[in-house]
N, C-alpha and C. Protein backbone atom coordinates (compact mmCIF):
# COMPACT_ATOMS: atom_id res chain seq x y z
N MET A 1 42.87 27.49 -3.26
CA MET A 1 42.90 26.05 -4.74
C MET A 1 43.17 27.03 -6.19
N GLN A 2 44.39 25.90 -6.65
CA GLN A 2 44.05 25.90 -8.03
C GLN A 2 43.23 25.15 -9.02
N LEU A 3 43.10 26.62 -9.89
CA LEU A 3 41.54 25.97 -10.65
C LEU A 3 42.81 24.85 -11.84
N ASN A 4 42.59 23.28 -11.81
CA ASN A 4 42.78 22.09 -12.43
C ASN A 4 41.54 21.58 -12.59
N LYS A 5 41.90 20.32 -13.22
CA LYS A 5 40.49 19.13 -13.41
C LYS A 5 40.48 18.66 -11.89
N MET A 6 41.92 18.58 -11.37
CA MET A 6 41.80 17.37 -10.10
C MET A 6 40.93 17.95 -8.79
N ASN A 7 40.75 19.36 -8.83
CA ASN A 7 40.48 20.12 -7.99
C ASN A 7 38.69 20.36 -8.20
N MET A 8 38.91 20.59 -9.22
CA MET A 8 37.46 20.96 -9.69
C MET A 8 36.72 19.31 -9.47
N PHE A 9 36.83 18.15 -10.06
CA PHE A 9 36.41 16.86 -9.51
C PHE A 9 36.25 16.88 -8.27
N GLY A 10 37.36 16.96 -7.80
CA GLY A 10 37.22 17.36 -6.27
C GLY A 10 35.92 17.56 -5.57
N GLN A 11 36.03 19.01 -6.32
CA GLN A 11 34.67 19.70 -5.03
C GLN A 11 33.44 19.59 -5.95
N TYR A 12 33.52 18.78 -7.10
CA TYR A 12 32.31 18.44 -7.92
C TYR A 12 31.76 17.10 -6.71
N LEU A 13 32.84 16.19 -6.26
CA LEU A 13 32.39 15.41 -5.58
C LEU A 13 31.60 15.35 -4.32
N LEU A 14 32.56 16.22 -3.79
CA LEU A 14 31.86 17.02 -2.85
C LEU A 14 30.66 17.39 -2.54
N ARG A 15 30.29 18.47 -3.53
CA ARG A 15 28.83 18.69 -3.78
C ARG A 15 28.08 17.75 -4.13
N VAL A 16 27.83 16.59 -4.56
CA VAL A 16 27.49 15.42 -4.98
C VAL A 16 26.94 14.76 -3.39
N LYS A 17 28.04 14.39 -2.80
CA LYS A 17 28.15 14.13 -1.78
C LYS A 17 27.30 14.88 -0.49
N SER A 18 27.18 15.56 -0.58
CA SER A 18 26.38 16.82 0.71
C SER A 18 25.01 16.92 -0.17
N ASN A 19 25.03 16.68 -1.06
CA ASN A 19 23.57 16.98 -2.07
C ASN A 19 22.84 15.75 -2.19
N THR A 20 23.05 14.46 -2.31
CA THR A 20 22.45 13.42 -2.84
C THR A 20 21.85 13.11 -1.26
N HIS A 21 20.49 12.31 -2.03
CA HIS A 21 19.40 12.27 -0.80
C HIS A 21 18.80 10.89 -1.49
N CYS A 22 19.08 9.76 -0.85
CA CYS A 22 18.28 8.48 -1.08
C CYS A 22 17.02 8.30 -0.02
N VAL A 23 15.86 7.59 -0.93
CA VAL A 23 15.16 7.25 0.17
C VAL A 23 14.87 5.88 -0.50
N ILE A 24 14.64 4.69 0.84
CA ILE A 24 14.69 3.46 0.85
C ILE A 24 13.19 3.25 1.28
N ALA A 25 12.49 2.68 1.12
CA ALA A 25 11.37 2.16 1.64
C ALA A 25 11.37 1.07 1.85
N MET A 26 11.20 0.35 3.54
CA MET A 26 11.15 -1.54 3.59
C MET A 26 10.22 -1.54 4.51
N SER A 27 9.89 -2.31 4.20
CA SER A 27 8.94 -3.40 5.31
C SER A 27 9.30 -3.52 6.45
N PRO A 28 9.31 -3.45 8.02
CA PRO A 28 10.36 -3.73 9.04
C PRO A 28 9.44 -4.62 8.90
N LEU A 29 8.68 -6.06 8.83
CA LEU A 29 8.05 -7.21 9.32
C LEU A 29 9.22 -8.60 8.72
N GLY A 30 9.31 -9.32 9.18
CA GLY A 30 9.82 -10.71 9.00
C GLY A 30 11.90 -10.38 9.59
N ASP A 31 12.21 -11.41 9.13
CA ASP A 31 13.80 -11.23 9.17
C ASP A 31 14.54 -10.82 8.24
N VAL A 32 13.88 -10.50 7.24
CA VAL A 32 14.91 -10.08 6.09
C VAL A 32 14.91 -8.73 6.53
N PHE A 33 14.39 -7.67 7.01
CA PHE A 33 14.36 -6.33 7.42
C PHE A 33 15.71 -6.61 8.31
N ARG A 34 15.52 -7.54 9.12
CA ARG A 34 16.69 -7.34 10.07
C ARG A 34 17.95 -8.01 9.78
N GLN A 35 17.84 -9.11 8.64
CA GLN A 35 19.39 -9.03 8.24
C GLN A 35 19.91 -8.40 7.25
N ARG A 36 18.51 -7.42 6.70
CA ARG A 36 19.82 -6.34 6.02
C ARG A 36 20.55 -5.41 6.83
N LEU A 37 19.76 -5.06 7.81
CA LEU A 37 20.26 -3.93 9.42
C LEU A 37 21.61 -4.89 9.33
N LEU A 38 21.95 -5.98 9.93
CA LEU A 38 23.15 -6.27 10.01
C LEU A 38 23.78 -6.56 9.03
N LYS A 39 24.03 -6.84 8.19
CA LYS A 39 24.68 -6.53 6.36
C LYS A 39 25.18 -5.33 6.24
N PHE A 40 24.17 -4.53 6.38
CA PHE A 40 24.51 -2.90 6.15
C PHE A 40 24.32 -2.09 7.24
N PRO A 41 24.96 -2.07 8.66
CA PRO A 41 24.65 -0.93 9.48
C PRO A 41 24.65 0.76 9.63
N SER A 42 25.24 0.67 8.20
CA SER A 42 24.94 2.21 8.11
C SER A 42 23.60 2.40 8.06
N LEU A 43 22.48 2.00 7.51
CA LEU A 43 21.23 1.93 7.21
C LEU A 43 20.40 2.72 8.79
N VAL A 44 21.31 2.26 9.54
CA VAL A 44 20.83 2.99 11.12
C VAL A 44 21.65 4.11 11.37
N ASN A 45 22.53 3.84 11.34
CA ASN A 45 24.20 4.52 12.37
C ASN A 45 23.84 5.93 11.15
N CYS A 46 24.13 5.82 9.84
CA CYS A 46 23.99 7.29 8.90
C CYS A 46 22.86 7.90 8.60
N CYS A 47 21.87 7.08 8.72
CA CYS A 47 20.53 7.71 8.46
C CYS A 47 18.86 8.02 9.05
N THR A 48 18.13 8.42 8.56
CA THR A 48 17.16 9.35 9.19
C THR A 48 15.91 8.16 8.71
N ILE A 49 15.87 7.60 10.09
CA ILE A 49 14.45 6.58 9.71
C ILE A 49 13.15 7.36 10.35
N ASP A 50 12.36 7.51 9.23
CA ASP A 50 11.12 7.44 9.29
C ASP A 50 9.68 6.62 9.44
N TRP A 51 9.51 6.58 9.87
CA TRP A 51 8.04 4.97 10.76
C TRP A 51 7.21 5.89 9.94
N PHE A 52 5.93 5.40 9.04
CA PHE A 52 5.05 5.60 8.58
C PHE A 52 4.02 4.34 8.83
N SER A 53 3.22 4.28 10.16
CA SER A 53 2.82 2.77 10.24
C SER A 53 1.28 3.24 10.08
N ASN A 54 0.45 4.41 10.47
CA ASN A 54 -0.98 4.77 10.22
C ASN A 54 -1.47 5.77 9.61
N TRP A 55 -1.79 4.88 8.11
CA TRP A 55 -2.35 5.62 6.89
C TRP A 55 -3.79 6.26 7.08
N PRO A 56 -4.27 7.62 6.97
CA PRO A 56 -5.66 7.92 7.16
C PRO A 56 -6.62 7.16 6.16
N THR A 57 -7.77 7.38 6.92
CA THR A 57 -8.93 7.33 6.40
C THR A 57 -8.98 6.65 4.81
N GLU A 58 -9.11 7.91 4.67
CA GLU A 58 -8.96 8.51 3.08
C GLU A 58 -8.26 7.65 2.12
N ALA A 59 -6.83 7.28 2.70
CA ALA A 59 -6.01 6.51 1.65
C ALA A 59 -6.14 5.53 2.05
N LEU A 60 -6.97 4.39 2.86
CA LEU A 60 -7.12 3.07 3.19
C LEU A 60 -8.76 3.13 1.69
N MET A 61 -9.56 3.68 1.67
CA MET A 61 -10.50 3.51 0.97
C MET A 61 -10.01 3.98 -0.15
N SER A 62 -8.80 4.59 -0.44
CA SER A 62 -8.56 5.06 -1.65
C SER A 62 -8.43 3.67 -2.41
N VAL A 63 -6.35 3.42 -1.55
CA VAL A 63 -5.81 1.95 -1.79
C VAL A 63 -6.58 0.55 -2.42
N GLY A 64 -7.68 0.64 -1.19
CA GLY A 64 -8.43 -0.33 -1.49
C GLY A 64 -9.95 -0.43 -3.09
N THR A 65 -9.97 0.82 -2.80
CA THR A 65 -10.72 1.15 -4.27
C THR A 65 -10.00 0.61 -5.43
N GLY A 66 -8.93 1.55 -5.66
CA GLY A 66 -8.09 1.09 -7.08
C GLY A 66 -7.83 -0.06 -6.84
N SER A 67 -6.98 -1.01 -5.35
CA SER A 67 -7.20 -2.41 -5.69
C SER A 67 -7.86 -3.01 -6.23
N ILE A 68 -9.52 -3.14 -5.62
CA ILE A 68 -10.66 -3.94 -6.68
C ILE A 68 -10.82 -3.42 -7.92
N ASN A 69 -10.72 -2.37 -8.05
CA ASN A 69 -11.31 -2.07 -9.24
C ASN A 69 -9.84 -2.57 -10.38
N ASN A 70 -8.68 -2.37 -10.04
CA ASN A 70 -7.82 -3.20 -10.83
C ASN A 70 -7.94 -4.04 -10.92
N SER A 71 -9.08 -5.25 -10.50
CA SER A 71 -8.93 -6.45 -10.64
C SER A 71 -10.39 -6.54 -11.33
N PRO A 72 -10.27 -6.71 -12.92
CA PRO A 72 -11.92 -6.80 -13.64
C PRO A 72 -12.82 -7.69 -12.66
N GLU A 73 -12.18 -8.89 -12.50
CA GLU A 73 -13.19 -10.23 -12.36
C GLU A 73 -13.72 -10.06 -11.13
N THR A 74 -12.96 -9.13 -9.86
CA THR A 74 -13.30 -9.11 -8.67
C THR A 74 -14.19 -8.66 -8.42
N ALA A 75 -14.24 -6.74 -9.23
CA ALA A 75 -15.61 -5.92 -9.24
C ALA A 75 -16.50 -6.44 -9.53
N GLU A 76 -16.09 -6.85 -10.86
CA GLU A 76 -17.23 -7.80 -11.48
C GLU A 76 -18.01 -9.15 -10.68
N ILE A 77 -17.78 -9.28 -9.99
CA ILE A 77 -18.38 -10.23 -8.72
C ILE A 77 -18.65 -9.54 -7.46
N LEU A 78 -18.09 -8.47 -7.19
CA LEU A 78 -18.87 -8.03 -5.97
C LEU A 78 -19.37 -6.97 -6.66
N GLY A 79 -19.93 -6.55 -7.48
CA GLY A 79 -20.37 -5.63 -7.84
C GLY A 79 -20.83 -4.02 -7.29
N GLU A 80 -22.27 -3.95 -6.70
CA GLU A 80 -22.67 -2.44 -6.01
C GLU A 80 -22.28 -3.00 -4.74
N ASP A 81 -21.83 -4.35 -4.12
CA ASP A 81 -21.28 -4.31 -2.43
C ASP A 81 -19.71 -3.91 -2.80
N ARG A 82 -19.05 -3.13 -3.73
CA ARG A 82 -17.46 -2.49 -3.80
C ARG A 82 -17.46 -2.29 -2.55
N GLU A 83 -18.01 -1.15 -2.23
CA GLU A 83 -17.65 0.18 -1.29
C GLU A 83 -18.02 -0.53 0.24
N SER A 84 -18.85 -1.86 -0.04
CA SER A 84 -18.77 -2.10 1.62
C SER A 84 -17.70 -2.71 1.86
N VAL A 85 -17.48 -3.32 0.99
CA VAL A 85 -16.28 -4.51 1.29
C VAL A 85 -15.12 -3.76 1.41
N ILE A 86 -14.94 -2.32 0.62
CA ILE A 86 -13.77 -1.60 1.09
C ILE A 86 -13.71 -0.93 2.51
N GLU A 87 -14.58 -0.27 2.74
CA GLU A 87 -15.44 -0.35 4.25
C GLU A 87 -14.76 -1.14 5.42
N ILE A 88 -14.93 -2.79 4.70
CA ILE A 88 -14.88 -3.79 5.66
C ILE A 88 -13.65 -3.79 6.04
N PHE A 89 -12.64 -3.60 5.30
CA PHE A 89 -11.53 -4.33 5.01
C PHE A 89 -11.07 -2.52 5.77
N LYS A 90 -11.19 -1.66 5.60
CA LYS A 90 -10.61 -0.58 6.37
C LYS A 90 -11.01 -0.62 7.89
N ILE A 91 -12.06 -0.72 8.09
CA ILE A 91 -12.27 -0.99 9.64
C ILE A 91 -11.55 -2.43 10.24
N ILE A 92 -11.09 -3.82 9.29
CA ILE A 92 -10.44 -4.77 10.16
C ILE A 92 -8.77 -4.03 10.22
N HIS A 93 -8.18 -3.51 9.36
CA HIS A 93 -7.14 -2.65 9.53
C HIS A 93 -6.97 -2.14 10.40
N GLN A 94 -8.00 -1.07 10.69
CA GLN A 94 -7.57 0.02 11.37
C GLN A 94 -8.04 -0.83 12.87
N SER A 95 -8.67 -1.58 13.33
CA SER A 95 -8.74 -2.62 14.13
C SER A 95 -7.75 -3.07 14.53
N VAL A 96 -7.01 -3.79 13.79
CA VAL A 96 -5.82 -4.62 13.93
C VAL A 96 -4.58 -3.57 14.55
N GLU A 97 -4.89 -2.09 14.25
CA GLU A 97 -3.73 -1.14 14.52
C GLU A 97 -3.96 -1.28 16.32
N ALA A 98 -5.21 -1.14 16.04
CA ALA A 98 -5.41 -0.70 17.84
C ALA A 98 -5.16 -1.77 19.11
N ILE A 99 -5.54 -2.81 18.07
CA ILE A 99 -5.30 -4.02 18.92
C ILE A 99 -3.34 -4.45 18.80
N ARG A 100 -3.15 -4.16 18.24
CA ARG A 100 -1.80 -4.31 18.62
C ARG A 100 -1.04 -3.16 19.34
N ILE A 101 -1.32 -2.18 19.16
CA ILE A 101 -0.96 -1.26 20.43
C ILE A 101 -1.64 -2.23 21.90
N ARG A 102 -2.66 -2.67 22.09
CA ARG A 102 -2.82 -3.00 23.32
C ARG A 102 -2.09 -4.08 23.65
N TYR A 103 -1.55 -5.23 22.28
CA TYR A 103 -0.89 -6.48 22.43
C TYR A 103 0.55 -5.76 22.70
N GLN A 104 1.22 -5.03 22.51
CA GLN A 104 2.37 -4.36 22.85
C GLN A 104 2.27 -3.71 24.18
N ASP A 105 1.52 -3.41 24.54
CA ASP A 105 1.51 -2.85 26.04
C ASP A 105 1.12 -4.33 27.38
N GLU A 106 0.41 -5.21 26.70
CA GLU A 106 -0.08 -6.30 27.63
C GLU A 106 0.80 -7.23 27.83
N MET A 107 1.74 -7.67 26.13
CA MET A 107 2.40 -8.96 26.41
C MET A 107 3.82 -8.39 26.26
N ASN A 108 4.60 -6.90 26.17
CA ASN A 108 5.63 -6.24 25.55
C ASN A 108 6.55 -6.92 25.00
N ARG A 109 5.16 -7.26 23.86
CA ARG A 109 6.00 -7.92 22.29
C ARG A 109 5.68 -6.43 21.54
N ILE A 110 6.32 -6.29 20.54
CA ILE A 110 5.91 -5.13 19.17
C ILE A 110 5.72 -6.38 17.95
N SER A 111 4.52 -5.29 17.47
CA SER A 111 4.22 -6.18 16.09
C SER A 111 3.83 -5.14 15.28
N TYR A 112 3.98 -5.34 14.04
CA TYR A 112 3.88 -3.91 12.58
C TYR A 112 2.82 -4.87 11.88
N VAL A 113 1.95 -3.51 12.11
CA VAL A 113 0.87 -3.02 11.23
C VAL A 113 0.88 -2.30 10.15
N THR A 114 1.28 -2.72 8.94
CA THR A 114 2.31 -1.93 7.67
C THR A 114 1.22 -1.29 6.64
N PRO A 115 1.27 -0.84 5.81
CA PRO A 115 0.79 -0.85 4.28
C PRO A 115 0.86 -1.73 3.85
N THR A 116 1.44 -2.54 3.64
CA THR A 116 2.18 -3.87 3.08
C THR A 116 1.24 -4.43 3.25
N SER A 117 0.61 -5.02 5.16
CA SER A 117 -0.45 -5.48 5.89
C SER A 117 -1.95 -5.64 5.06
N PHE A 118 -1.83 -4.11 4.93
CA PHE A 118 -3.56 -3.70 4.01
C PHE A 118 -3.70 -4.60 2.94
N LEU A 119 -2.78 -3.93 1.95
CA LEU A 119 -2.21 -4.38 0.28
C LEU A 119 -2.37 -6.14 0.45
N GLU A 120 -1.49 -6.96 1.16
CA GLU A 120 -1.70 -8.43 1.36
C GLU A 120 -3.16 -8.51 2.23
N LEU A 121 -3.77 -8.04 2.38
CA LEU A 121 -5.17 -8.31 3.04
C LEU A 121 -6.00 -8.00 1.76
N LEU A 122 -5.98 -7.07 0.96
CA LEU A 122 -7.05 -6.91 -0.48
C LEU A 122 -6.32 -8.04 -1.28
N ASN A 123 -5.00 -8.94 -1.51
CA ASN A 123 -4.85 -9.56 -2.26
C ASN A 123 -4.83 -10.74 -2.04
N THR A 124 -5.17 -11.20 -0.81
CA THR A 124 -5.52 -12.58 -0.11
C THR A 124 -6.77 -12.70 -0.23
N TYR A 125 -7.98 -11.86 -0.08
CA TYR A 125 -9.07 -11.82 -0.11
C TYR A 125 -9.50 -11.52 -2.19
N LYS A 126 -9.11 -11.21 -2.70
CA LYS A 126 -8.98 -11.62 -3.88
C LYS A 126 -9.12 -12.66 -4.52
N LYS A 127 -8.01 -13.46 -4.10
CA LYS A 127 -7.24 -14.79 -3.86
C LYS A 127 -8.54 -15.59 -3.62
N VAL A 128 -8.82 -15.49 -2.76
CA VAL A 128 -9.84 -16.34 -2.36
C VAL A 128 -11.33 -16.46 -2.41
N LEU A 129 -11.77 -15.11 -3.30
CA LEU A 129 -12.74 -14.97 -3.72
C LEU A 129 -12.83 -15.56 -5.45
N LYS A 130 -11.47 -15.70 -5.63
CA LYS A 130 -11.45 -16.08 -7.07
C LYS A 130 -11.29 -17.73 -6.72
N GLU A 131 -11.17 -18.16 -6.06
CA GLU A 131 -11.00 -19.65 -5.75
C GLU A 131 -12.46 -20.31 -5.38
N ARG A 132 -13.19 -19.36 -4.64
CA ARG A 132 -14.79 -19.77 -4.10
C ARG A 132 -15.50 -19.79 -5.33
N LYS A 133 -14.87 -18.66 -6.00
CA LYS A 133 -16.19 -18.77 -7.55
C LYS A 133 -15.77 -19.55 -8.42
N GLU A 134 -14.45 -20.23 -8.12
CA GLU A 134 -14.11 -21.62 -9.04
C GLU A 134 -15.19 -22.92 -8.14
N TYR A 135 -14.91 -22.67 -7.43
CA TYR A 135 -15.55 -24.05 -6.51
C TYR A 135 -16.76 -24.03 -6.72
N ILE A 136 -17.53 -23.35 -6.65
CA ILE A 136 -18.95 -22.83 -6.49
C ILE A 136 -19.45 -22.96 -8.06
N GLY A 137 -18.77 -22.24 -8.53
CA GLY A 137 -19.10 -22.87 -10.23
C GLY A 137 -19.15 -24.52 -10.98
N LYS A 138 -18.10 -25.12 -10.13
CA LYS A 138 -17.77 -26.50 -10.88
C LYS A 138 -18.99 -27.07 -9.86
N ALA A 139 -19.41 -27.00 -8.12
CA ALA A 139 -20.08 -27.47 -8.04
C ALA A 139 -21.60 -27.09 -8.79
N LYS A 140 -21.70 -26.03 -9.13
CA LYS A 140 -23.46 -25.77 -9.43
C LYS A 140 -23.28 -26.24 -11.30
N TYR A 141 -22.29 -26.34 -11.47
CA TYR A 141 -22.39 -27.65 -12.75
C TYR A 141 -22.69 -28.88 -12.61
N ARG A 142 -21.75 -29.73 -11.58
CA ARG A 142 -22.33 -30.59 -11.18
C ARG A 142 -24.06 -31.01 -10.71
N LEU A 143 -24.08 -29.88 -9.64
CA LEU A 143 -25.54 -29.97 -9.48
C LEU A 143 -26.59 -30.05 -10.57
N GLU A 144 -26.55 -28.74 -11.64
CA GLU A 144 -27.05 -29.26 -12.47
C GLU A 144 -26.99 -29.93 -13.42
N LYS A 145 -25.98 -30.58 -13.47
CA LYS A 145 -25.56 -32.36 -14.48
C LYS A 145 -26.93 -32.88 -13.54
N GLY A 146 -26.21 -33.56 -11.91
CA GLY A 146 -27.08 -34.59 -11.18
C GLY A 146 -28.60 -34.36 -11.72
N LEU A 147 -29.09 -32.72 -11.50
CA LEU A 147 -30.69 -32.86 -11.55
C LEU A 147 -31.18 -33.21 -13.27
N MET A 148 -30.03 -32.89 -13.77
CA MET A 148 -30.48 -33.38 -15.52
C MET A 148 -30.36 -35.33 -15.67
N VAL A 149 -29.90 -35.70 -15.16
CA VAL A 149 -29.75 -37.54 -14.86
C VAL A 149 -30.68 -37.23 -13.93
N LEU A 150 -31.59 -36.69 -13.23
CA LEU A 150 -32.38 -37.07 -12.13
C LEU A 150 -33.32 -37.26 -13.02
N ALA A 151 -33.47 -35.87 -14.10
CA ALA A 151 -34.96 -35.67 -14.55
C ALA A 151 -35.10 -37.19 -15.72
N ASN A 152 -34.12 -37.23 -16.85
CA ASN A 152 -33.77 -38.25 -17.32
C ASN A 152 -33.94 -39.52 -17.21
N ALA A 153 -33.71 -39.71 -15.86
CA ALA A 153 -34.19 -40.83 -14.98
C ALA A 153 -35.64 -41.30 -14.89
N ALA A 154 -36.24 -39.92 -14.35
CA ALA A 154 -37.52 -40.09 -14.29
C ALA A 154 -38.52 -40.37 -15.43
N VAL A 155 -37.88 -39.72 -16.47
CA VAL A 155 -39.13 -39.58 -17.64
C VAL A 155 -39.00 -41.27 -18.58
N GLU A 156 -37.45 -42.17 -17.97
CA GLU A 156 -36.85 -43.02 -18.40
C GLU A 156 -37.99 -43.85 -17.39
N VAL A 157 -38.33 -44.30 -16.20
CA VAL A 157 -39.18 -44.81 -15.11
C VAL A 157 -40.61 -44.81 -15.80
N GLN A 158 -40.94 -43.32 -16.27
CA GLN A 158 -42.35 -43.59 -16.44
C GLN A 158 -42.87 -44.31 -17.78
N LYS A 159 -42.13 -44.26 -18.74
CA LYS A 159 -41.62 -44.92 -19.68
C LYS A 159 -41.91 -46.38 -19.59
N LEU A 160 -41.26 -46.79 -18.78
CA LEU A 160 -41.08 -48.22 -18.11
C LEU A 160 -42.61 -48.09 -17.23
């Protein structure tokens, strides 16, 4: 090969193509994944697919702790029960993984339990916890107000 700009650029492109590696992380849940595979068939034909399904116990605990601690309101509400709640979520996630295998064997249908499922479980818990705290706070306020009205009525009745 002659040493000129076109040949040098061609060699450069060959090296870039042979040494470029991309990592694409997608959840296999839902219709979006199937649609992407239909739109881009080279994702299946020209790629290596690694399925990472089971998180180790330490990872579940670490992610759970980080998620709860990142939400100061949730961490404050849970207080000393924080570790117990995270432990329960770990147990729930691992038991769903075990049931998924049984479901696949018995019903011959595939379902996925992914790390995203664990994160959604944590986020849903935080959302429901916040909603329930607001609801109970409002109910407490209404009860206190009602008790004050009853106390005032008792004083008025006493005067009469």
